[in-house]
Protein backbone atom coordinates (compact mmCIF):
# COMPACT_ATOMS: atom_id res chain seq x y z
CA MET A 1 0.00 0.00 0.00
CA ILE A 2 1.33 3.44 -0.93
CA ASN A 3 0.06 4.83 2.37
CA TYR A 4 2.71 3.14 4.53
CA LEU A 5 5.49 4.84 2.59
CA TYR A 6 4.36 8.19 3.94
CA GLN A 7 3.62 7.50 7.60
CA GLU A 8 7.14 8.52 8.61
CA GLN A 9 7.26 11.66 6.45
CA ASN A 10 6.42 14.97 8.06
CA TRP A 11 3.24 16.61 6.93
CA GLN A 12 4.96 19.55 5.26
CA SER A 13 6.80 17.19 2.90
CA GLN A 14 3.55 15.44 2.04
CA LEU A 15 1.79 18.74 1.45
CA SER A 16 4.48 19.88 -0.97
CA ASP A 17 4.44 16.60 -2.92
CA LEU A 18 0.86 16.30 -4.08
CA ILE A 19 -0.32 14.55 -7.23
CA THR A 20 -1.61 17.23 -9.61
CA ASP A 21 -1.54 15.34 -12.92
CA PRO A 22 -4.60 13.14 -13.60
CA LEU A 23 -2.51 10.78 -15.71
CA GLU A 24 -0.06 10.26 -12.84
CA LEU A 25 -2.95 9.51 -10.50
CA LEU A 26 -4.28 6.85 -12.88
CA GLU A 27 -0.80 5.38 -13.27
CA GLN A 28 -0.42 5.10 -9.48
CA LEU A 29 -3.71 3.17 -9.35
CA ARG A 30 -2.90 1.02 -12.41
CA LEU A 31 -5.80 2.45 -14.37
CA SER A 32 -5.64 3.15 -18.09
CA PRO A 33 -5.62 6.73 -19.45
CA GLU A 34 -8.97 5.90 -21.05
CA GLN A 35 -10.48 6.30 -17.57
CA LEU A 36 -10.12 10.04 -18.24
CA LEU A 37 -13.08 10.62 -20.52
CA SER A 38 -13.03 13.48 -23.01
CA GLY A 39 -13.13 16.80 -21.20
CA ALA A 40 -11.63 15.58 -17.92
CA ILE A 41 -8.28 17.25 -18.60
CA LEU A 42 -10.08 20.53 -19.28
CA ALA A 43 -12.03 20.07 -16.05
CA SER A 44 -8.71 19.70 -14.25
CA GLU A 45 -7.43 22.90 -15.82
CA GLN A 46 -10.48 24.77 -14.54
CA PHE A 47 -10.24 23.26 -11.03
CA LYS A 48 -6.86 21.67 -10.55
CA LEU A 49 -6.41 18.13 -9.32
CA ARG A 50 -4.69 18.07 -5.92
CA VAL A 51 -4.44 14.91 -3.85
CA PRO A 52 -1.87 13.71 -1.29
CA ARG A 53 -0.08 10.47 -2.03
CA ALA A 54 -0.99 9.14 1.42
CA PHE A 55 -4.67 9.53 0.53
CA VAL A 56 -4.12 7.79 -2.80
CA GLY A 57 -2.66 4.93 -0.77
CA LYS A 58 -6.12 4.35 0.71
CA MET A 59 -7.67 3.85 -2.72
CA VAL A 60 -8.22 0.41 -4.25
CA THR A 61 -5.75 -0.22 -7.04
CA GLY A 62 -7.42 -1.06 -10.35
CA ASP A 63 -10.89 0.12 -9.33
CA PRO A 64 -12.14 3.07 -11.43
CA LEU A 65 -15.20 3.36 -9.15
CA ASP A 66 -13.28 3.56 -5.89
CA PRO A 67 -15.26 6.04 -3.73
CA LEU A 68 -12.15 7.93 -2.68
CA LEU A 69 -10.95 8.26 -6.25
CA LEU A 70 -14.33 9.56 -7.44
CA GLN A 71 -14.11 12.44 -4.98
CA VAL A 72 -10.89 13.81 -6.49
CA LEU A 73 -10.61 12.66 -10.13
CA PRO A 74 -11.65 15.37 -12.63
CA HIS A 75 -14.69 14.42 -14.69
CA HIS A 76 -15.99 15.67 -18.02
CA LEU A 77 -19.44 16.17 -16.47
CA GLU A 78 -18.02 19.10 -14.49
CA LEU A 79 -18.10 21.10 -17.71
CA GLU A 80 -21.89 20.80 -18.11
CA GLU A 81 -24.25 23.63 -17.28
CA HIS A 82 -27.28 22.83 -15.11
CA PRO A 83 -30.04 25.20 -13.92
CA GLY A 84 -29.59 26.17 -10.29
CA PHE A 85 -25.94 25.10 -10.12
CA VAL A 86 -23.97 28.32 -9.71
CA THR A 87 -20.52 29.56 -8.73
CA ASP A 88 -21.66 30.95 -5.35
CA PRO A 89 -24.42 28.59 -4.14
CA LEU A 90 -24.44 29.96 -0.59
CA ALA A 91 -24.31 33.64 -1.62
CA GLU A 92 -21.17 34.09 0.44
CA GLU A 93 -20.22 37.20 -1.50
CA ASN A 94 -23.01 38.97 0.40
CA ALA A 95 -21.55 37.82 3.75
CA ASN A 96 -17.98 38.81 2.90
CA GLN A 97 -17.64 41.83 5.19
CA GLN A 98 -13.93 42.40 4.64
CA PRO A 99 -10.88 40.32 3.65
CA GLY A 100 -11.06 36.97 5.41
CA VAL A 101 -14.40 37.62 7.08
CA LEU A 102 -17.65 35.77 6.39
CA HIS A 103 -20.42 36.60 8.86
CA LYS A 104 -23.49 34.49 8.15
CA TYR A 105 -24.70 33.44 11.60
CA LYS A 106 -25.59 35.42 14.71
CA SER A 107 -23.08 34.01 17.19
CA ARG A 108 -20.49 32.63 14.78
CA PHE A 109 -17.96 34.32 12.60
CA LEU A 110 -16.03 32.58 9.84
CA LEU A 111 -12.40 33.49 9.16
CA THR A 112 -10.70 32.31 5.96
CA LEU A 113 -6.96 32.48 6.54
CA THR A 114 -5.89 30.65 3.40
CA GLY A 115 -7.21 29.54 0.05
CA ALA A 116 -4.98 26.46 0.03
CA CYS A 117 -6.25 22.90 0.47
CA ALA A 118 -4.37 19.62 0.71
CA VAL A 119 -6.97 18.01 -1.54
CA HIS A 120 -9.37 19.41 -4.11
CA CYS A 121 -12.73 17.74 -3.63
CA ARG A 122 -14.63 17.94 -6.91
CA TYR A 123 -17.89 18.85 -5.10
CA CYS A 124 -16.38 21.74 -3.10
CA PHE A 125 -18.89 24.56 -2.72
CA ARG A 126 -16.02 27.09 -2.70
CA ARG A 127 -14.31 25.80 -5.83
CA HIS A 128 -15.02 29.19 -7.49
CA PHE A 129 -14.41 31.38 -4.41
CA PRO A 130 -12.09 34.38 -5.08
CA TYR A 131 -9.61 33.58 -2.34
CA GLN A 132 -6.82 35.83 -3.53
CA GLU A 133 -9.05 38.87 -3.12
CA ASN A 134 -10.10 37.85 0.39
CA LEU A 135 -7.08 36.57 2.27
CA PRO A 136 -6.38 38.69 5.37
CA LYS A 137 -2.90 40.08 5.81
CA ASN A 138 -1.24 40.73 9.14
CA GLU A 139 -2.19 44.38 8.91
CA ASP A 140 -5.87 43.42 8.55
CA TRP A 141 -5.96 41.99 12.07
CA LEU A 142 -6.90 45.27 13.74
CA ASN A 143 -9.88 45.66 11.39
CA ILE A 144 -10.96 42.09 12.06
CA LYS A 145 -10.62 42.64 15.81
CA ALA A 146 -12.64 45.84 15.62
CA TYR A 147 -15.38 44.07 13.65
CA LEU A 148 -15.55 41.23 16.17
CA GLU A 149 -15.76 43.62 19.09
CA SER A 150 -18.54 45.55 17.36
CA GLN A 151 -20.63 42.36 17.18
CA SER A 152 -21.33 41.50 20.81
CA ASP A 153 -23.33 38.36 19.92
CA ILE A 154 -20.28 36.62 18.46
CA ASN A 155 -18.74 34.12 20.86
CA GLU A 156 -17.22 31.68 18.37
CA VAL A 157 -14.80 31.97 15.48
CA ILE A 158 -14.69 29.30 12.78
CA LEU A 159 -11.43 28.86 10.89
CA SER A 160 -12.25 27.65 7.40
CA GLY A 161 -10.92 28.20 3.97
CA GLY A 162 -9.27 26.78 2.04
CA ASP A 163 -8.05 24.59 4.87
CA PRO A 164 -6.63 26.25 8.00
CA LEU A 165 -4.48 23.21 8.82
CA THR A 166 -2.40 23.80 5.70
CA LEU A 167 -0.97 26.74 7.65
CA SER A 168 2.24 26.26 9.60
CA ASN A 169 1.93 25.68 13.34
CA ARG A 170 3.63 29.04 13.88
CA LYS A 171 1.09 30.96 11.82
CA LEU A 172 -1.84 29.01 13.23
CA ALA A 173 -0.64 29.72 16.78
CA LEU A 174 -0.30 33.43 15.96
CA TRP A 175 -3.92 33.69 14.84
CA ILE A 176 -5.18 31.67 17.80
CA GLU A 177 -3.30 33.97 20.19
CA ARG A 178 -4.89 36.97 18.52
CA LEU A 179 -8.36 35.50 18.93
CA GLU A 180 -7.65 34.56 22.54
CA SER A 181 -7.05 38.24 23.26
CA ILE A 182 -10.74 39.04 22.65
CA PRO A 183 -12.62 38.33 25.92
CA GLN A 184 -16.04 37.76 24.32
CA LEU A 185 -14.77 34.74 22.36
CA LYS A 186 -15.32 31.39 24.05
CA PHE A 187 -15.06 28.83 21.27
CA LEU A 188 -12.77 28.20 18.32
CA ARG A 189 -13.91 25.79 15.63
CA ILE A 190 -11.47 24.53 13.02
CA HIS A 191 -12.85 22.90 9.87
CA SER A 192 -10.27 20.73 8.14
CA ARG A 193 -9.93 17.74 5.82
CA VAL A 194 -6.16 17.58 6.33
CA PRO A 195 -6.20 15.11 9.28
CA VAL A 196 -8.03 12.66 6.98
CA VAL A 197 -5.88 13.07 3.86
CA ILE A 198 -2.53 13.77 5.61
CA PRO A 199 -2.89 12.25 9.10
CA ASN A 200 0.67 13.26 10.03
CA ARG A 201 -0.62 16.83 10.26
CA VAL A 202 -1.74 15.88 13.76
CA ASP A 203 1.72 16.31 15.24
CA GLU A 204 2.84 17.10 18.79
CA ALA A 205 3.12 20.83 18.07
CA LEU A 206 -0.43 21.06 16.78
CA ILE A 207 -1.82 19.10 19.71
CA SER A 208 0.04 21.38 22.12
CA ILE A 209 -1.35 24.52 20.46
CA LEU A 210 -4.91 23.23 20.63
CA LYS A 211 -4.91 21.74 24.12
CA ASN A 212 -3.28 24.79 25.72
CA SER A 213 -5.62 27.39 24.27
CA ARG A 214 -7.96 29.21 26.64
CA LEU A 215 -10.63 28.82 23.95
CA ARG A 216 -12.71 25.67 23.80
CA ILE A 217 -11.43 23.95 20.63
CA ILE A 218 -13.72 21.99 18.34
CA LEU A 219 -12.07 20.32 15.36
CA VAL A 220 -14.50 19.38 12.60
CA ILE A 221 -12.95 16.92 10.20
CA HIS A 222 -14.42 15.96 6.83
CA SER A 223 -14.69 12.27 5.97
CA ASN A 224 -17.23 10.80 3.56
CA HIS A 225 -16.35 7.10 3.63
CA ALA A 226 -14.99 4.62 6.15
CA SER A 227 -12.18 3.67 3.74
CA GLU A 228 -10.65 7.10 4.40
CA LEU A 229 -10.14 6.14 8.05
CA ASP A 230 -7.42 3.50 8.14
CA ASP A 231 -5.85 2.47 11.45
CA PHE A 232 -3.07 5.04 11.18
CA THR A 233 -5.52 7.90 10.58
CA CYS A 234 -7.70 6.75 13.48
CA SER A 235 -4.70 6.61 15.78
CA ARG A 236 -3.87 10.25 15.02
CA LEU A 237 -7.46 11.34 15.61
CA LYS A 238 -7.49 9.49 18.92
CA GLU A 239 -4.45 11.50 20.02
CA LEU A 240 -6.61 14.61 19.76
CA THR A 241 -9.56 13.20 21.68
CA GLN A 242 -7.24 11.84 24.38
CA GLN A 243 -6.25 15.46 25.03
CA HIS A 244 -9.93 16.36 25.51
CA ILE A 245 -10.17 18.14 22.17
CA THR A 246 -13.65 17.74 20.73
CA VAL A 247 -13.52 16.15 17.28
CA LEU A 248 -16.62 16.00 15.08
CA ASN A 249 -17.16 14.88 11.50
CA GLN A 250 -19.16 16.35 8.68
CA ALA A 251 -19.84 14.43 5.49
CA VAL A 252 -21.45 15.27 2.17
CA LEU A 253 -23.95 12.87 0.60
CA LEU A 254 -22.55 12.08 -2.84
CA LYS A 255 -23.88 9.92 -5.65
CA GLY A 256 -21.48 7.08 -6.37
CA VAL A 257 -19.48 7.69 -3.19
CA ASN A 258 -21.66 7.17 -0.13
CA ASN A 259 -25.30 7.14 -1.27
CA SER A 260 -25.97 3.96 0.69
CA ALA A 261 -27.28 3.51 4.22
CA GLN A 262 -24.73 0.75 4.81
CA VAL A 263 -21.81 2.94 3.72
CA LEU A 264 -22.99 5.76 6.00
CA THR A 265 -23.54 3.31 8.86
CA ASP A 266 -20.02 1.94 8.45
CA LEU A 267 -18.68 5.51 8.42
CA SER A 268 -20.37 6.39 11.71
CA TYR A 269 -19.07 3.29 13.46
CA ARG A 270 -15.56 3.84 12.12
CA LEU A 271 -15.61 7.46 13.28
CA PHE A 272 -16.68 6.31 16.73
CA ASP A 273 -13.75 3.87 16.76
CA ALA A 274 -11.50 6.92 16.32
CA GLY A 275 -13.26 8.88 19.07
CA VAL A 276 -14.97 11.16 16.53
CA MET A 277 -18.68 11.97 16.72
CA PRO A 278 -20.80 12.25 13.55
CA TYR A 279 -22.05 15.82 13.27
CA TYR A 280 -23.56 16.77 9.90
CA LEU A 281 -24.52 14.92 6.75
CA HIS A 282 -24.79 17.67 4.16
CA VAL A 283 -26.94 17.49 1.08
CA LEU A 284 -24.83 18.64 -1.86
CA ASP A 285 -24.50 22.39 -2.26
CA LYS A 286 -25.51 23.25 -5.80
CA VAL A 287 -22.15 24.47 -6.98
CA LYS A 288 -21.36 24.68 -10.67
CA GLY A 289 -19.43 21.60 -11.74
CA ALA A 290 -20.82 19.16 -9.16
CA HIS A 291 -24.22 18.20 -10.61
CA HIS A 292 -23.13 14.59 -11.22
CA PHE A 293 -22.88 14.06 -7.43
CA ASP A 294 -26.46 15.21 -6.81
CA LEU A 295 -29.28 12.95 -5.56
CA MET A 296 -33.04 13.25 -5.78
CA PRO A 297 -34.88 14.18 -2.54
CA ASP A 298 -36.87 10.94 -2.41
CA SER A 299 -33.66 8.93 -2.66
CA ILE A 300 -32.07 10.96 0.12
CA ASP A 301 -35.06 10.42 2.40
CA LEU A 302 -34.96 6.66 1.85
CA ILE A 303 -31.24 6.47 2.57
CA TYR A 304 -31.53 8.55 5.73
CA LYS A 305 -34.53 6.58 6.97
CA ASP A 306 -32.41 3.43 6.78
CA VAL A 307 -29.51 5.17 8.53
CA LEU A 308 -31.86 6.05 11.40
CA ALA A 309 -32.93 2.43 11.59
CA ASN A 310 -29.35 1.12 11.51
CA LEU A 311 -27.68 3.34 14.08
CA PRO A 312 -28.14 4.38 17.70
CA GLY A 313 -29.21 8.01 17.88
CA TYR A 314 -25.87 9.28 19.11
CA LEU A 315 -24.19 8.06 15.92
CA VAL A 316 -26.70 9.56 13.48
CA PRO A 317 -25.40 12.73 11.80
CA LYS A 318 -27.93 15.52 11.28
CA LEU A 319 -29.11 15.66 7.68
CA VAL A 320 -28.95 19.32 6.65
CA ARG A 321 -28.67 21.75 3.80
CA GLU A 322 -27.22 25.23 3.99
CA ILE A 323 -29.57 27.68 2.29
CA ALA A 324 -28.22 31.06 1.24
CA GLY A 325 -29.40 33.82 3.56
CA GLU A 326 -30.72 31.52 6.30
CA LYS A 327 -29.36 32.02 9.81
CA ASN A 328 -28.77 28.33 10.46
CA LYS A 329 -28.39 24.98 8.73
CA THR A 330 -31.80 23.64 7.63
CA PRO A 331 -32.77 20.11 8.84
CA LEU A 332 -34.06 18.08 5.92
CA PHE A 333 -35.37 14.66 6.88
CA GLY A 334 -39.06 14.43 6.00
CA VAL A 335 -38.95 17.68 4.03
CA SER A 336 -40.50 17.13 0.59
CA THR A 337 -38.23 19.52 -1.30
CA TYR A 338 -34.53 20.16 -0.83
């Protein structure tokens, strides 16, 4: 397995040695170039392939329908236009108060510190987001601080992106220290897929930063399939929970990847093995280029009904959709239209 070759490498080395060529990815998995249907290369030019080699090591060699591969391999269907699938499905441009700042919810404030990700998920709702125009610089901190202090209802900051755990420990610690200086803040939530695709990111320095913060830290990882959570990945996640850091998971319901009650059941149990609690199961955000992952509402209801029957309540993620302009995630089970 390719994965074992990278367990001893530090995470920075893995982050700088990503597979970005679709043909190389297919070669690693012993798949023929014909698996790249016409238009897939163009799709990759529009939204570049990025995938860590350690994550590729979790894929099944020779299987063109591997659920991990389908999440990252460019597809010609991304080039199709579909009504309702747009570049900004959550209308985040309207919530973009200043560089780095997205304020959509009353008590929560989202801070995008980077546009970089360790992996480009083909269904990403921010695949068209203008990161370069929105990244905060060091000199923007005073404006961000002033905005936070002007909004007395805010008690939590969410680090998102891009992926905040692509930042160095030094830079991450700097921003956490800045946020700690604001008395009204109580919670810091970090949304990241990096611990799943590069588990070595959970190193001693990161754990120290998180466990020693005065803020209550909640790390929300992103895993869609139990195959992403091999024993090595689970061991790294357990190191976080053993330090009393809350770790939750959010998944996205994706056609061809996890649109099965059994797959979602297996995911919840595997997360629990790693000390991670299922949090959200998102219905696909209607972002341009991701229509081929979409599911019909009736199908979603049937899948989720079976998940409820399969799992104890504490392992059932909340089925939700984020609707532009709403002040919270919208629960969906039993709703006739999504």
